[in-house]
C-alpha atoms as a PDB file:
ATOM      1  CA  UNK A   1       6.373  -1.849  25.126  1.00  0.00           C
ATOM      2  CA  UNK A   2       8.905   0.742  24.031  1.00  0.00           C
ATOM      3  CA  UNK A   3       7.905   4.389  23.832  1.00  0.00           C
ATOM      4  CA  UNK A   4       8.335   4.241  20.061  1.00  0.00           C
ATOM      5  CA  UNK A   5       6.016   1.262  19.741  1.00  0.00           C
ATOM      6  CA  UNK A   6       3.470   2.854  22.081  1.00  0.00           C
ATOM      7  CA  UNK A   7       3.372   6.008  19.956  1.00  0.00           C
ATOM      8  CA  UNK A   8       2.943   3.899  16.837  1.00  0.00           C
ATOM      9  CA  UNK A   9      -0.003   2.037  18.393  1.00  0.00           C
ATOM     10  CA  UNK A  10      -1.613   5.332  19.380  1.00  0.00           C
ATOM     11  CA  UNK A  11      -1.067   6.983  16.015  1.00  0.00           C
ATOM     12  CA  UNK A  12      -2.376   3.931  14.144  1.00  0.00           C
ATOM     13  CA  UNK A  13      -5.464   4.139  16.334  1.00  0.00           C
ATOM     14  CA  UNK A  14      -6.030   7.697  15.143  1.00  0.00           C
ATOM     15  CA  UNK A  15      -6.241   6.265  11.612  1.00  0.00           C
ATOM     16  CA  UNK A  16      -8.752   3.648  12.754  1.00  0.00           C
ATOM     17  CA  UNK A  17      -6.205   0.835  12.559  1.00  0.00           C
ATOM     18  CA  UNK A  18      -6.139  -1.674  15.441  1.00  0.00           C
ATOM     19  CA  UNK A  19      -2.493  -2.331  16.305  1.00  0.00           C
ATOM     20  CA  UNK A  20      -1.167  -4.393  19.187  1.00  0.00           C
ATOM     21  CA  UNK A  21       2.369  -4.356  20.572  1.00  0.00           C
ATOM     22  CA  UNK A  22       3.501  -7.454  18.654  1.00  0.00           C
ATOM     23  CA  UNK A  23       2.477  -5.985  15.319  1.00  0.00           C
ATOM     24  CA  UNK A  24       3.889  -2.569  16.244  1.00  0.00           C
ATOM     25  CA  UNK A  25       7.202  -4.295  16.971  1.00  0.00           C
ATOM     26  CA  UNK A  26       7.043  -6.048  13.599  1.00  0.00           C
ATOM     27  CA  UNK A  27       6.484  -2.753  11.806  1.00  0.00           C
ATOM     28  CA  UNK A  28       9.443  -1.155  13.582  1.00  0.00           C
ATOM     29  CA  UNK A  29      11.577  -4.180  12.700  1.00  0.00           C
ATOM     30  CA  UNK A  30      10.606  -3.591   9.068  1.00  0.00           C
ATOM     31  CA  UNK A  31      12.077  -0.092   9.334  1.00  0.00           C
ATOM     32  CA  UNK A  32      15.248  -1.506  10.930  1.00  0.00           C
ATOM     33  CA  UNK A  33      15.701  -3.833   7.969  1.00  0.00           C
ATOM     34  CA  UNK A  34      14.959  -1.059   5.475  1.00  0.00           C
ATOM     35  CA  UNK A  35      17.568   1.192   7.105  1.00  0.00           C
ATOM     36  CA  UNK A  36      20.223  -1.524   6.788  1.00  0.00           C
ATOM     37  CA  UNK A  37      19.435  -2.288   3.155  1.00  0.00           C
ATOM     38  CA  UNK A  38      19.069   1.371   2.298  1.00  0.00           C
ATOM     39  CA  UNK A  39      22.727   2.024   3.032  1.00  0.00           C
ATOM     40  CA  UNK A  40      23.725  -0.298   0.218  1.00  0.00           C
ATOM     41  CA  UNK A  41      20.800  -0.304  -2.199  1.00  0.00           C
ATOM     42  CA  UNK A  42      19.218   3.171  -1.872  1.00  0.00           C
ATOM     43  CA  UNK A  43      15.670   1.852  -1.697  1.00  0.00           C
ATOM     44  CA  UNK A  44      14.133   5.003  -0.231  1.00  0.00           C
ATOM     45  CA  UNK A  45      15.036   8.681  -0.099  1.00  0.00           C
ATOM     46  CA  UNK A  46      13.446   8.889   3.351  1.00  0.00           C
ATOM     47  CA  UNK A  47      16.049   7.927   5.931  1.00  0.00           C
ATOM     48  CA  UNK A  48      15.170   9.669   9.209  1.00  0.00           C
ATOM     49  CA  UNK A  49      13.495   7.332  11.694  1.00  0.00           C
ATOM     50  CA  UNK A  50      10.542   9.574  12.567  1.00  0.00           C
ATOM     51  CA  UNK A  51      10.022  10.461   8.889  1.00  0.00           C
ATOM     52  CA  UNK A  52      10.026   6.754   8.005  1.00  0.00           C
ATOM     53  CA  UNK A  53       7.385   6.019  10.638  1.00  0.00           C
ATOM     54  CA  UNK A  54       5.141   8.768   9.325  1.00  0.00           C
ATOM     55  CA  UNK A  55       5.718   8.469   5.574  1.00  0.00           C
ATOM     56  CA  UNK A  56       6.135   4.705   5.292  1.00  0.00           C
ATOM     57  CA  UNK A  57       4.235   3.065   8.144  1.00  0.00           C
ATOM     58  CA  UNK A  58       1.395   5.428   9.026  1.00  0.00           C
ATOM     59  CA  UNK A  59       0.801   6.625   5.471  1.00  0.00           C
ATOM     60  CA  UNK A  60       0.557   3.004   4.333  1.00  0.00           C
ATOM     61  CA  UNK A  61      -1.816   2.067   7.145  1.00  0.00           C
ATOM     62  CA  UNK A  62      -4.174   4.881   6.128  1.00  0.00           C
ATOM     63  CA  UNK A  63      -5.456   2.595   3.337  1.00  0.00           C
ATOM     64  CA  UNK A  64      -6.556  -0.144   5.768  1.00  0.00           C
ATOM     65  CA  UNK A  65     -10.246   0.887   5.988  1.00  0.00           C
ATOM     66  CA  UNK A  66     -10.623   0.607   2.199  1.00  0.00           C
ATOM     67  CA  UNK A  67      -9.325  -2.931   1.750  1.00  0.00           C
ATOM     68  CA  UNK A  68     -11.849  -5.527   0.630  1.00  0.00           C
ATOM     69  CA  UNK A  69     -11.644  -9.242  -0.092  1.00  0.00           C
ATOM     70  CA  UNK A  70      -8.810 -11.642   0.578  1.00  0.00           C
ATOM     71  CA  UNK A  71      -6.479 -11.184  -2.401  1.00  0.00           C
ATOM     72  CA  UNK A  72      -4.718  -7.829  -2.542  1.00  0.00           C
ATOM     73  CA  UNK A  73      -2.202  -6.577  -5.128  1.00  0.00           C
ATOM     74  CA  UNK A  74       0.209  -3.738  -4.369  1.00  0.00           C
ATOM     75  CA  UNK A  75       1.448  -2.399  -7.693  1.00  0.00           C
ATOM     76  CA  UNK A  76       4.721  -0.508  -7.877  1.00  0.00           C
ATOM     77  CA  UNK A  77       5.346  -1.490  -4.271  1.00  0.00           C
ATOM     78  CA  UNK A  78       8.910  -0.181  -4.167  1.00  0.00           C
ATOM     79  CA  UNK A  79      10.402  -1.234  -0.844  1.00  0.00           C
ATOM     80  CA  UNK A  80       7.089  -2.782   0.159  1.00  0.00           C
ATOM     81  CA  UNK A  81       4.796   0.162   0.862  1.00  0.00           C
ATOM     82  CA  UNK A  82       1.905   0.142   1.465  1.00  0.00           C
ATOM     83  CA  UNK A  83       1.742  -3.648   1.133  1.00  0.00           C
ATOM     84  CA  UNK A  84       4.063  -4.830   3.918  1.00  0.00           C
ATOM     85  CA  UNK A  85       2.599  -2.698   6.739  1.00  0.00           C
ATOM     86  CA  UNK A  86      -0.913  -3.661   5.664  1.00  0.00           C
ATOM     87  CA  UNK A  87       0.045  -7.340   5.520  1.00  0.00           C
ATOM     88  CA  UNK A  88       1.278  -7.102   9.109  1.00  0.00           C
ATOM     89  CA  UNK A  89      -2.047  -5.719  10.376  1.00  0.00           C
ATOM     90  CA  UNK A  90      -4.262  -7.858   8.103  1.00  0.00           C
ATOM     91  CA  UNK A  91      -2.900 -11.431   8.360  1.00  0.00           C
ATOM     92  CA  UNK A  92      -6.207 -12.857   7.098  1.00  0.00           C
ATOM     93  CA  UNK A  93      -5.551 -11.345   3.672  1.00  0.00           C
ATOM     94  CA  UNK A  94      -2.932 -12.347   1.109  1.00  0.00           C
ATOM     95  CA  UNK A  95      -0.835  -9.605  -0.466  1.00  0.00           C
ATOM     96  CA  UNK A  96       1.032  -9.837  -3.774  1.00  0.00           C
ATOM     97  CA  UNK A  97       3.646  -7.068  -3.917  1.00  0.00           C
ATOM     98  CA  UNK A  98       4.675  -6.231  -7.468  1.00  0.00           C
ATOM     99  CA  UNK A  99       7.591  -4.165  -8.731  1.00  0.00           C
ATOM    100  CA  UNK A 100       9.771  -4.240 -11.836  1.00  0.00           C
ATOM    101  CA  UNK A 101      13.002  -3.364  -9.960  1.00  0.00           C
ATOM    102  CA  UNK A 102      14.904  -6.447  -8.807  1.00  0.00           C
ATOM    103  CA  UNK A 103      16.581  -4.954  -5.714  1.00  0.00           C
ATOM    104  CA  UNK A 104      13.234  -3.748  -4.376  1.00  0.00           C
ATOM    105  CA  UNK A 105      11.607  -7.134  -4.839  1.00  0.00           C
ATOM    106  CA  UNK A 106      14.601  -8.800  -3.161  1.00  0.00           C
ATOM    107  CA  UNK A 107      14.129  -6.535  -0.153  1.00  0.00           C
ATOM    108  CA  UNK A 108      10.411  -7.295  -0.002  1.00  0.00           C
ATOM    109  CA  UNK A 109      11.172 -11.028  -0.044  1.00  0.00           C
ATOM    110  CA  UNK A 110      13.827 -10.560   2.653  1.00  0.00           C
ATOM    111  CA  UNK A 111      11.539  -8.470   4.867  1.00  0.00           C
ATOM    112  CA  UNK A 112       8.748 -11.005   4.422  1.00  0.00           C
ATOM    113  CA  UNK A 113      11.018 -13.762   5.735  1.00  0.00           C
ATOM    114  CA  UNK A 114      12.446 -11.587   8.507  1.00  0.00           C
ATOM    115  CA  UNK A 115       8.984 -10.664   9.774  1.00  0.00           C
ATOM    116  CA  UNK A 116       7.699 -14.229   9.437  1.00  0.00           C
ATOM    117  CA  UNK A 117       4.851 -13.211   7.152  1.00  0.00           C
ATOM    118  CA  UNK A 118       3.059 -16.103   5.460  1.00  0.00           C
ATOM    119  CA  UNK A 119       0.589 -13.862   3.640  1.00  0.00           C
ATOM    120  CA  UNK A 120       2.951 -12.028   1.264  1.00  0.00           C
ATOM    121  CA  UNK A 121       4.260 -12.910  -2.180  1.00  0.00           C
ATOM    122  CA  UNK A 122       6.938 -10.775  -3.854  1.00  0.00           C
ATOM    123  CA  UNK A 123       6.750 -10.623  -7.641  1.00  0.00           C
ATOM    124  CA  UNK A 124       9.167  -8.946 -10.033  1.00  0.00           C
ATOM    125  CA  UNK A 125       7.178  -7.935 -13.103  1.00  0.00           C
ATOM    126  CA  UNK A 126       5.798  -5.042 -15.074  1.00  0.00           C
ATOM    127  CA  UNK A 127       2.222  -4.659 -13.915  1.00  0.00           C
ATOM    128  CA  UNK A 128       0.807  -4.207 -17.416  1.00  0.00           C
ATOM    129  CA  UNK A 129       2.085  -7.679 -18.446  1.00  0.00           C
ATOM    130  CA  UNK A 130       0.171  -9.527 -15.734  1.00  0.00           C
ATOM    131  CA  UNK A 131      -3.105 -11.330 -16.370  1.00  0.00           C
ATOM    132  CA  UNK A 132      -3.754 -13.732 -13.481  1.00  0.00           C
ATOM    133  CA  UNK A 133      -6.561 -16.262 -13.974  1.00  0.00           C
ATOM    134  CA  UNK A 134      -8.423 -14.917 -10.927  1.00  0.00           C
ATOM    135  CA  UNK A 135      -8.758 -11.135 -10.522  1.00  0.00           C
ATOM    136  CA  UNK A 136      -7.589  -9.460  -7.341  1.00  0.00           C
ATOM    137  CA  UNK A 137     -10.201  -8.178  -4.915  1.00  0.00           C
ATOM    138  CA  UNK A 138      -8.283  -4.959  -4.222  1.00  0.00           C
ATOM    139  CA  UNK A 139      -5.461  -3.276  -6.138  1.00  0.00           C
ATOM    140  CA  UNK A 140      -3.355  -0.850  -4.096  1.00  0.00           C
ATOM    141  CA  UNK A 141      -1.109   1.885  -5.419  1.00  0.00           C
ATOM    142  CA  UNK A 142       0.958   4.567  -3.728  1.00  0.00           C
ATOM    143  CA  UNK A 143       3.105   6.960  -5.789  1.00  0.00           C
ATOM    144  CA  UNK A 144       2.768   4.625  -8.776  1.00  0.00           C
ATOM    145  CA  UNK A 145       1.443   6.822 -11.563  1.00  0.00           C
ATOM    146  CA  UNK A 146      -1.406   9.144 -12.429  1.00  0.00           C
ATOM    147  CA  UNK A 147      -4.822   7.531 -12.104  1.00  0.00           C
ATOM    148  CA  UNK A 148      -5.392   7.076 -15.863  1.00  0.00           C
ATOM    149  CA  UNK A 149      -2.035   5.300 -16.249  1.00  0.00           C
ATOM    150  CA  UNK A 150      -2.598   3.256 -13.096  1.00  0.00           C
ATOM    151  CA  UNK A 151      -5.974   1.974 -14.222  1.00  0.00           C
ATOM    152  CA  UNK A 152      -4.658   1.193 -17.691  1.00  0.00           C
ATOM    153  CA  UNK A 153      -1.658  -0.703 -16.301  1.00  0.00           C
ATOM    154  CA  UNK A 154      -3.711  -2.663 -13.769  1.00  0.00           C
ATOM    155  CA  UNK A 155      -6.429  -3.650 -16.228  1.00  0.00           C
ATOM    156  CA  UNK A 156      -5.208  -7.258 -16.364  1.00  0.00           C
ATOM    157  CA  UNK A 157      -5.405  -7.599 -12.579  1.00  0.00           C
ATOM    158  CA  UNK A 158      -8.980  -6.420 -12.272  1.00  0.00           C
ATOM    159  CA  UNK A 159     -12.390  -7.995 -12.653  1.00  0.00           C
ATOM    160  CA  UNK A 160     -15.911  -6.536 -12.471  1.00  0.00           C
ATOM    161  CA  UNK A 161     -15.791  -6.455  -8.656  1.00  0.00           C
ATOM    162  CA  UNK A 162     -12.208  -5.279  -8.149  1.00  0.00           C
ATOM    163  CA  UNK A 163     -11.618  -2.024  -6.298  1.00  0.00           C
ATOM    164  CA  UNK A 164      -8.554   0.154  -6.827  1.00  0.00           C
ATOM    165  CA  UNK A 165      -7.311   2.039  -3.770  1.00  0.00           C
ATOM    166  CA  UNK A 166      -4.970   4.879  -4.664  1.00  0.00           C
ATOM    167  CA  UNK A 167      -2.996   6.796  -2.028  1.00  0.00           C
ATOM    168  CA  UNK A 168      -2.500  10.382  -3.126  1.00  0.00           C
ATOM    169  CA  UNK A 169      -1.273  13.681  -1.782  1.00  0.00           C
ATOM    170  CA  UNK A 170      -3.384  16.556  -3.020  1.00  0.00           C
ATOM    171  CA  UNK A 171      -6.803  15.783  -4.428  1.00  0.00           C
ATOM    172  CA  UNK A 172      -6.118  14.825  -8.071  1.00  0.00           C
ATOM    173  CA  UNK A 173      -8.745  16.870  -9.924  1.00  0.00           C
ATOM    174  CA  UNK A 174      -7.036  16.663 -13.306  1.00  0.00           C
ATOM    175  CA  UNK A 175      -6.381  12.929 -13.103  1.00  0.00           C
ATOM    176  CA  UNK A 176     -10.007  12.228 -12.203  1.00  0.00           C
ATOM    177  CA  UNK A 177     -11.195  14.192 -15.222  1.00  0.00           C
ATOM    178  CA  UNK A 178      -9.320  11.749 -17.461  1.00  0.00           C
ATOM    179  CA  UNK A 179     -10.294   8.373 -16.028  1.00  0.00           C
ATOM    180  CA  UNK A 180     -10.397   5.545 -18.589  1.00  0.00           C
ATOM    181  CA  UNK A 181     -13.819   4.488 -19.769  1.00  0.00           C
ATOM    182  CA  UNK A 182     -15.376   1.928 -17.451  1.00  0.00           C
ATOM    183  CA  UNK A 183     -14.095   3.352 -14.158  1.00  0.00           C
ATOM    184  CA  UNK A 184     -15.570   5.762 -11.644  1.00  0.00           C
ATOM    185  CA  UNK A 185     -14.624   7.327  -8.324  1.00  0.00           C
ATOM    186  CA  UNK A 186     -16.755   5.788  -5.598  1.00  0.00           C
ATOM    187  CA  UNK A 187     -15.270   7.534  -2.588  1.00  0.00           C
ATOM    188  CA  UNK A 188     -12.469   9.829  -1.517  1.00  0.00           C
ATOM    189  CA  UNK A 189     -11.242  10.255   2.050  1.00  0.00           C
ATOM    190  CA  UNK A 190      -9.098  13.136   3.203  1.00  0.00           C
ATOM    191  CA  UNK A 191      -6.645  11.663   5.689  1.00  0.00           C
ATOM    192  CA  UNK A 192      -4.596  13.367   8.378  1.00  0.00           C
ATOM    193  CA  UNK A 193      -1.568  11.170   8.926  1.00  0.00           C
ATOM    194  CA  UNK A 194      -0.317  11.845  12.475  1.00  0.00           C
ATOM    195  CA  UNK A 195       2.816  13.975  12.406  1.00  0.00           C
ATOM    196  CA  UNK A 196       2.739  14.460   8.641  1.00  0.00           C
ATOM    197  CA  UNK A 197       2.207  18.063   7.614  1.00  0.00           C
ATOM    198  CA  UNK A 198       0.971  17.330   4.113  1.00  0.00           C
ATOM    199  CA  UNK A 199      -2.294  16.649   2.340  1.00  0.00           C
ATOM    200  CA  UNK A 200      -3.258  13.005   1.967  1.00  0.00           C
ATOM    201  CA  UNK A 201      -6.231  11.493   0.170  1.00  0.00           C
ATOM    202  CA  UNK A 202      -7.257   7.869  -0.252  1.00  0.00           C
ATOM    203  CA  UNK A 203      -9.341   7.299  -3.380  1.00  0.00           C
ATOM    204  CA  UNK A 204     -11.533   4.284  -4.013  1.00  0.00           C
ATOM    205  CA  UNK A 205     -12.150   3.570  -7.697  1.00  0.00           C
ATOM    206  CA  UNK A 206     -14.456   0.853  -9.002  1.00  0.00           C
ATOM    207  CA  UNK A 207     -15.632  -0.390 -12.384  1.00  0.00           C
ATOM    208  CA  UNK A 208     -18.758   1.291 -13.750  1.00  0.00           C
ATOM    209  CA  UNK A 209     -21.765  -0.533 -12.402  1.00  0.00           C
ATOM    210  CA  UNK A 210     -20.017  -1.918  -9.332  1.00  0.00           C
ATOM    211  CA  UNK A 211     -21.813  -1.283  -6.084  1.00  0.00           C
ATOM    212  CA  UNK A 212     -25.091  -0.314  -7.784  1.00  0.00           C
ATOM    213  CA  UNK A 213     -28.409  -2.010  -7.428  1.00  0.00           C
END
């Protein structure tokens, strides 16, 4: 195992994420592919290798403990974060990665093929237009929108048992004070992403009445 992969395994472990060398190698390959595409398509403003590991891979993996169910939606996935790293470490779950920007969805589809992932679907769409017949178990969002806008946009993806997992920087006091009717904050975890000198919080939001009784 390379030193880079070994550090990734160790840092993922600090987040409570079990990572073996094969999956660590897959995650690093994802960054290789992103770096190549980024030169032409400007998919991410983060280009330094170490910064990409921290801000893309480890930050994405911080949501792993809050996933539930087998059908996961990643809304506003961008270049595939947090959905692609989570799909690598959770092959038993199926991830639908959604973005309205064509070049980002093309990269997600390319990376899915390159990594040999059979549990990822890439979908170009505006989230608010989607109303699948079966709700998702978990809806993920990182840097998508404020919580009120996120919950409004994802309404068509959610059912009475759906959880929304939002990756945030600072604790969003103001956004939480304006949650749409029918939603509540069930849990918030302050997360220390290894090597990242910034606040991180993972919020778990559920429909009113979920998880009671």
